Amino acid sequence: MTRAGPVDELIAKTHDWRGAMLAKLRKIVHDADPEIAEDVKWKRPSNPLGSAVWSHDGMVCVGIILKERVRLSFSAGSSLPDPKKLFNAQLLGKSRAIDVSQNEKLDEQAFKAIVKAAVGHNLARTRPARTRPARTRPARTRPARTRARSRSTK
């Protein structure tokens, strides 16, 4: 399966080990959920290439190329199980991240499990809208307004 798009461009423009690591993380994300969508967002002068964003009924994770590592950030990370203790960055608040260094060995099964849990978290959040139950009490009626008559003096 070949993909072409902005994430390919981001990987191609990163010529060192970080581009290869982002490509490896991308493959893990797509293996975990083949229906996941990807895009590049948040391009700015300090980061002209932007960040890879994967989403399925909401944002699942963001791949960020930093100076000495590649970060996979999960916005709902605090709600996700992490039995292998992969989360090693952004440990305060709701988000969690996994920083991967140059020669670090990846536990692909644990990565896939976290991605699947993040997709499941999004799918559980996006339920159909509730329909309002029929109104049980009668609508409130207002008394008719009466106009004050002006008295004319004769």
Foldseek 3Di string as FASTA:
>chain_A
DDDDDLLVVLLVVPPDLQSVVVVVLVVLLCVLPVPKDWDFDDADPVHNSGWIWIDDLGTAWIWDDDDFWIKTKGQQVVVFDQPVPQFDPPPPDRMTMGTGGRPDDDPSVSSSRSSNRSNVVSVVVDDDDDDDDDDDDDDDDDDDDDDDDDDDDD
